[in-house]
């Protein structure tokens, strides 16, 4: 079976199972489960959506991300740094120049993203590359935040933003069968390490944001010194050859019924009207 390489512009989802992982105390977590990295489009909170009884998250569309190359935010970062200085002041001409540079930077980033989103540029993702993850449900970027995480107080918050250097993540292999500089493939287990906060990487916890809500729970996902292994899975690839978005010989698909808000599920149980 040939391996399917991960390319920039691919729309993906990240699966994780923490059943085999342990907590910081070296014991099995009380809420071991399986699910997908998720982002709430209303409150822009990143979490881990556990699987429901249909074997899929109830809001799978909020688990989709587009993997894109690292973008440039030099002008934006310089402006933010100067603005935080108490002694900073600028004339009207200087302010207009700064705003012009930020607009130019935004347009350059827009053009860089567009060629991958349309499938005109085909570049494989290699381990060691710095990438950005665009959440399809909101159009915003996955971002590491300097604020403390809500549940694990020794970790950093993971959220969504309009884009800055905090959105840069380095793709690293989980196992030694892959090495830095080699191609990343769908089905690989990997770590996403923050470039803004050295030593920190994305971690899925066994702690629900709100245990009083009906299951399936959304667990906290943060930046931690103890990363979680994420399995990158293919949803679709932009381009002229993917007009149907489905390769019927290879791809696994799920059928979603929007009115009932459920996925189609096969069962070995006999129907109620079956007299045999």
Protein backbone atom coordinates (compact mmCIF):
# COMPACT_ATOMS: atom_id res chain seq x y z
CA UNK A 1 0.00 0.00 0.00
CA UNK A 2 1.47 3.34 -1.04
CA UNK A 3 1.67 6.07 1.58
CA UNK A 4 -0.19 9.34 1.01
CA UNK A 5 2.07 12.33 1.65
CA UNK A 6 0.84 15.36 3.57
CA UNK A 7 0.83 18.52 1.43
CA UNK A 8 0.36 22.18 2.24
CA UNK A 9 -3.25 23.11 1.59
CA UNK A 10 -4.61 19.73 2.71
CA UNK A 11 -7.66 19.83 4.96
CA UNK A 12 -7.04 17.50 7.89
CA UNK A 13 -8.30 16.45 11.28
CA UNK A 14 -6.27 15.27 14.26
CA UNK A 15 -7.22 12.10 16.14
CA UNK A 16 -5.99 11.28 19.61
CA UNK A 17 -6.58 8.48 22.09
CA UNK A 18 -5.40 9.03 25.64
CA UNK A 19 -6.35 5.57 26.89
CA UNK A 20 -2.70 4.53 26.99
CA UNK A 21 -1.36 7.81 28.33
CA UNK A 22 -0.82 8.62 31.97
CA UNK A 23 -1.32 11.72 34.04
CA UNK A 24 1.51 13.68 35.61
CA UNK A 25 1.25 11.45 38.68
CA UNK A 26 1.90 8.38 36.54
CA UNK A 27 -1.63 7.01 36.85
CA UNK A 28 -4.34 6.37 34.31
CA UNK A 29 -6.62 9.39 33.84
CA UNK A 30 -10.22 9.00 35.01
CA UNK A 31 -11.69 10.19 31.71
CA UNK A 32 -9.71 8.15 29.17
CA UNK A 33 -11.27 8.50 25.76
CA UNK A 34 -10.81 8.88 22.03
CA UNK A 35 -11.67 11.85 19.84
CA UNK A 36 -10.54 14.77 17.69
CA UNK A 37 -8.96 18.19 18.18
CA UNK A 38 -11.81 20.68 18.05
CA UNK A 39 -12.37 24.44 18.16
CA UNK A 40 -15.58 26.11 19.28
CA UNK A 41 -16.55 28.76 16.67
CA UNK A 42 -18.57 30.78 19.21
CA UNK A 43 -16.08 31.24 22.05
CA UNK A 44 -12.94 30.37 20.01
CA UNK A 45 -11.90 27.76 22.56
CA UNK A 46 -9.72 24.88 21.43
CA UNK A 47 -10.50 21.48 22.95
CA UNK A 48 -10.64 17.75 22.41
CA UNK A 49 -14.06 16.58 21.24
CA UNK A 50 -14.72 13.04 22.45
CA UNK A 51 -16.56 10.52 20.30
CA UNK A 52 -20.28 9.97 20.82
CA UNK A 53 -22.21 6.72 20.60
CA UNK A 54 -22.28 6.99 16.78
CA UNK A 55 -18.48 6.72 16.75
CA UNK A 56 -17.93 10.31 15.59
CA UNK A 57 -17.89 13.76 17.21
CA UNK A 58 -21.29 15.50 17.10
CA UNK A 59 -19.72 18.56 15.48
CA UNK A 60 -17.13 17.07 13.13
CA UNK A 61 -17.11 20.19 10.92
CA UNK A 62 -15.45 22.08 13.81
CA UNK A 63 -12.59 19.54 13.86
CA UNK A 64 -11.25 20.45 10.40
CA UNK A 65 -8.03 22.39 9.86
CA UNK A 66 -6.10 23.40 6.77
CA UNK A 67 -2.35 22.99 7.04
CA UNK A 68 -0.47 25.95 5.55
CA UNK A 69 3.13 27.21 5.54
CA UNK A 70 4.55 29.67 8.04
CA UNK A 71 3.52 33.23 7.26
CA UNK A 72 5.42 36.47 7.91
CA UNK A 73 4.29 38.76 10.74
CA UNK A 74 7.41 40.94 11.18
CA UNK A 75 5.61 44.27 10.73
CA UNK A 76 2.71 43.24 12.97
CA UNK A 77 5.04 42.01 15.72
CA UNK A 78 7.21 45.16 15.51
CA UNK A 79 4.15 47.39 15.84
CA UNK A 80 2.85 45.42 18.83
CA UNK A 81 6.25 45.56 20.55
CA UNK A 82 6.55 49.34 20.08
CA UNK A 83 2.98 49.92 21.21
CA UNK A 84 3.67 48.19 24.52
CA UNK A 85 6.48 50.60 25.38
CA UNK A 86 5.43 53.37 27.74
CA UNK A 87 7.72 55.87 26.00
CA UNK A 88 6.52 55.01 22.50
CA UNK A 89 5.09 57.84 20.42
CA UNK A 90 4.95 58.37 16.69
CA UNK A 91 4.01 61.13 14.30
CA UNK A 92 1.10 60.85 11.92
CA UNK A 93 3.47 60.06 9.02
CA UNK A 94 5.20 57.30 10.99
CA UNK A 95 1.86 55.81 12.00
CA UNK A 96 0.68 55.78 8.38
CA UNK A 97 3.93 54.11 7.31
CA UNK A 98 3.49 51.38 9.93
CA UNK A 99 -0.11 50.78 8.86
CA UNK A 100 0.96 50.60 5.21
CA UNK A 101 3.60 47.97 6.01
CA UNK A 102 1.05 45.91 7.93
CA UNK A 103 -1.39 46.07 5.00
CA UNK A 104 1.35 45.02 2.57
CA UNK A 105 2.31 42.16 4.87
CA UNK A 106 -1.33 41.06 5.06
CA UNK A 107 -1.67 41.03 1.25
CA UNK A 108 1.55 39.05 0.84
CA UNK A 109 0.31 36.46 3.34
CA UNK A 110 -3.04 36.33 1.56
CA UNK A 111 -1.35 35.58 -1.77
CA UNK A 112 0.90 32.96 -0.18
CA UNK A 113 -2.11 31.15 1.30
CA UNK A 114 -4.26 31.40 -1.83
CA UNK A 115 -1.99 29.30 -4.05
CA UNK A 116 -2.16 26.42 -1.58
CA UNK A 117 -5.88 26.74 -0.94
CA UNK A 118 -6.61 26.50 -4.68
CA UNK A 119 -4.24 23.57 -5.18
CA UNK A 120 -2.01 25.40 -7.68
CA UNK A 121 1.05 24.89 -5.45
CA UNK A 122 2.02 21.34 -4.45
CA UNK A 123 4.60 21.25 -1.67
CA UNK A 124 4.93 18.30 0.72
CA UNK A 125 5.14 18.88 4.45
CA UNK A 126 8.42 17.66 5.95
CA UNK A 127 9.16 16.94 9.58
CA UNK A 128 10.88 19.96 11.05
CA UNK A 129 8.82 22.40 8.95
CA UNK A 130 7.07 25.27 10.71
CA UNK A 131 3.39 25.35 9.77
CA UNK A 132 0.15 27.13 10.61
CA UNK A 133 -3.24 25.51 11.10
CA UNK A 134 -6.29 27.37 9.83
CA UNK A 135 -9.57 26.37 11.46
CA UNK A 136 -12.13 26.00 8.67
CA UNK A 137 -15.15 26.75 10.86
CA UNK A 138 -13.92 30.22 11.83
CA UNK A 139 -11.21 31.07 9.30
CA UNK A 140 -8.86 31.80 12.22
CA UNK A 141 -5.48 30.35 13.13
CA UNK A 142 -4.58 27.94 15.90
CA UNK A 143 -2.53 29.94 18.41
CA UNK A 144 -0.51 29.40 21.56
CA UNK A 145 -1.26 31.99 24.23
CA UNK A 146 0.89 33.27 27.09
CA UNK A 147 -2.09 33.10 29.46
CA UNK A 148 -2.43 30.15 31.84
CA UNK A 149 -4.65 27.26 30.74
CA UNK A 150 -8.07 26.99 32.40
CA UNK A 151 -7.66 23.53 33.94
CA UNK A 152 -3.98 22.60 34.02
CA UNK A 153 -2.58 25.74 35.59
CA UNK A 154 1.07 24.95 34.83
CA UNK A 155 0.28 24.90 31.08
CA UNK A 156 -0.46 27.61 28.52
CA UNK A 157 -3.74 28.29 26.78
CA UNK A 158 -4.47 27.20 23.22
CA UNK A 159 -6.90 29.39 21.29
CA UNK A 160 -7.72 30.92 17.88
CA UNK A 161 -6.59 34.28 16.51
CA UNK A 162 -6.30 36.40 13.36
CA UNK A 163 -2.64 35.43 13.08
CA UNK A 164 0.77 36.29 14.53
CA UNK A 165 4.01 34.52 15.42
CA UNK A 166 2.22 32.60 18.19
CA UNK A 167 0.51 30.60 15.41
CA UNK A 168 3.76 28.95 14.30
CA UNK A 169 4.07 25.23 15.11
CA UNK A 170 6.89 22.87 14.23
CA UNK A 171 5.86 19.42 12.97
CA UNK A 172 7.90 16.71 14.69
CA UNK A 173 7.63 12.89 14.52
CA UNK A 174 6.36 10.92 17.51
CA UNK A 175 8.38 7.79 16.67
CA UNK A 176 11.95 7.27 15.48
CA UNK A 177 10.85 5.60 12.24
CA UNK A 178 10.40 9.17 10.98
CA UNK A 179 13.17 11.75 11.24
CA UNK A 180 13.48 15.49 10.85
CA UNK A 181 13.64 16.32 7.13
CA UNK A 182 11.63 13.29 6.02
CA UNK A 183 8.14 13.47 4.50
CA UNK A 184 5.09 13.48 6.76
CA UNK A 185 2.33 11.04 5.77
CA UNK A 186 -1.34 10.71 6.59
CA UNK A 187 -1.77 8.32 9.48
CA UNK A 188 1.49 9.43 11.12
CA UNK A 189 1.65 10.15 14.84
CA UNK A 190 3.23 13.55 15.38
CA UNK A 191 3.83 16.38 17.83
CA UNK A 192 3.03 20.04 17.17
CA UNK A 193 5.61 22.17 19.01
CA UNK A 194 5.15 25.89 19.59
CA UNK A 195 7.85 28.12 18.11
CA UNK A 196 6.80 31.12 20.21
CA UNK A 197 7.08 29.19 23.47
CA UNK A 198 10.11 26.87 23.30
CA UNK A 199 9.65 23.51 24.96
CA UNK A 200 5.85 23.65 24.79
CA UNK A 201 3.71 21.52 22.49
CA UNK A 202 0.04 20.70 22.07
CA UNK A 203 -1.32 18.44 24.80
CA UNK A 204 -4.73 16.76 25.13
CA UNK A 205 -5.82 16.41 28.77
CA UNK A 206 -8.26 14.02 30.43
CA UNK A 207 -10.05 16.97 32.09
CA UNK A 208 -13.40 18.12 30.63
CA UNK A 209 -13.97 21.87 30.41
CA UNK A 210 -17.40 21.34 31.97
CA UNK A 211 -18.21 17.93 33.44
CA UNK A 212 -21.80 19.07 34.11
CA UNK A 213 -22.58 19.20 30.39
CA UNK A 214 -24.09 16.12 28.70
CA UNK A 215 -21.63 13.72 27.12
CA UNK A 216 -19.64 13.59 24.90
CA UNK A 217 -17.37 15.98 26.77
CA UNK A 218 -14.95 18.54 25.35
CA UNK A 219 -11.61 18.12 27.13
CA UNK A 220 -9.06 20.86 27.62
CA UNK A 221 -6.31 21.06 25.01
CA UNK A 222 -3.35 23.27 25.88
CA UNK A 223 0.38 23.87 25.46
CA UNK A 224 2.44 21.71 27.79
CA UNK A 225 5.97 20.48 28.40
CA UNK A 226 4.48 16.97 28.05
CA UNK A 227 3.04 16.80 24.50
CA UNK A 228 0.38 14.45 23.19
CA UNK A 229 0.74 12.37 20.04
CA UNK A 230 -1.75 13.42 17.36
CA UNK A 231 -2.65 11.26 14.37
CA UNK A 232 -3.05 13.40 11.26
CA UNK A 233 -5.93 12.26 9.05
CA UNK A 234 -6.94 13.37 5.56
CA UNK A 235 -10.31 15.00 4.88
CA UNK A 236 -9.67 16.35 1.38
CA UNK A 237 -7.05 17.95 -0.85
CA UNK A 238 -7.80 21.08 -2.92
CA UNK A 239 -7.11 20.79 -6.64
CA UNK A 240 -8.60 19.90 -10.00
CA UNK A 241 -8.30 16.15 -9.38
CA UNK A 242 -10.32 16.37 -6.16
CA UNK A 243 -13.56 17.80 -7.55
CA UNK A 244 -15.61 15.14 -5.78
CA UNK A 245 -13.35 15.37 -2.69
CA UNK A 246 -13.58 11.57 -2.35
CA UNK A 247 -11.37 8.78 -3.70
CA UNK A 248 -13.80 5.86 -3.64
CA UNK A 249 -11.03 3.24 -3.74
CA UNK A 250 -8.97 4.55 -0.83
CA UNK A 251 -10.64 7.15 1.38
CA UNK A 252 -12.78 6.39 4.39
CA UNK A 253 -15.85 8.60 4.57
CA UNK A 254 -18.64 9.35 7.03
CA UNK A 255 -22.23 10.17 6.03
CA UNK A 256 -23.81 12.93 8.08
CA UNK A 257 -27.56 13.64 8.24
CA UNK A 258 -27.98 17.39 8.98
CA UNK A 259 -31.62 17.24 10.08
CA UNK A 260 -31.08 14.59 12.74
CA UNK A 261 -27.54 15.86 13.48
CA UNK A 262 -26.21 12.28 13.44
CA UNK A 263 -23.84 10.07 11.43
CA UNK A 264 -24.94 6.96 9.55
CA UNK A 265 -23.99 3.85 11.51
CA UNK A 266 -24.01 0.17 10.59
CA UNK A 267 -25.25 -2.42 13.05
CA UNK A 268 -25.44 -6.20 13.31
CA UNK A 269 -28.63 -6.02 15.38
CA UNK A 270 -31.87 -7.06 13.69
CA UNK A 271 -34.56 -4.47 13.08
CA UNK A 272 -37.60 -4.29 15.29
CA UNK A 273 -39.92 -5.28 12.44
CA UNK A 274 -37.89 -8.37 11.56
CA UNK A 275 -40.05 -11.42 12.38
CA UNK A 276 -37.27 -13.87 11.56
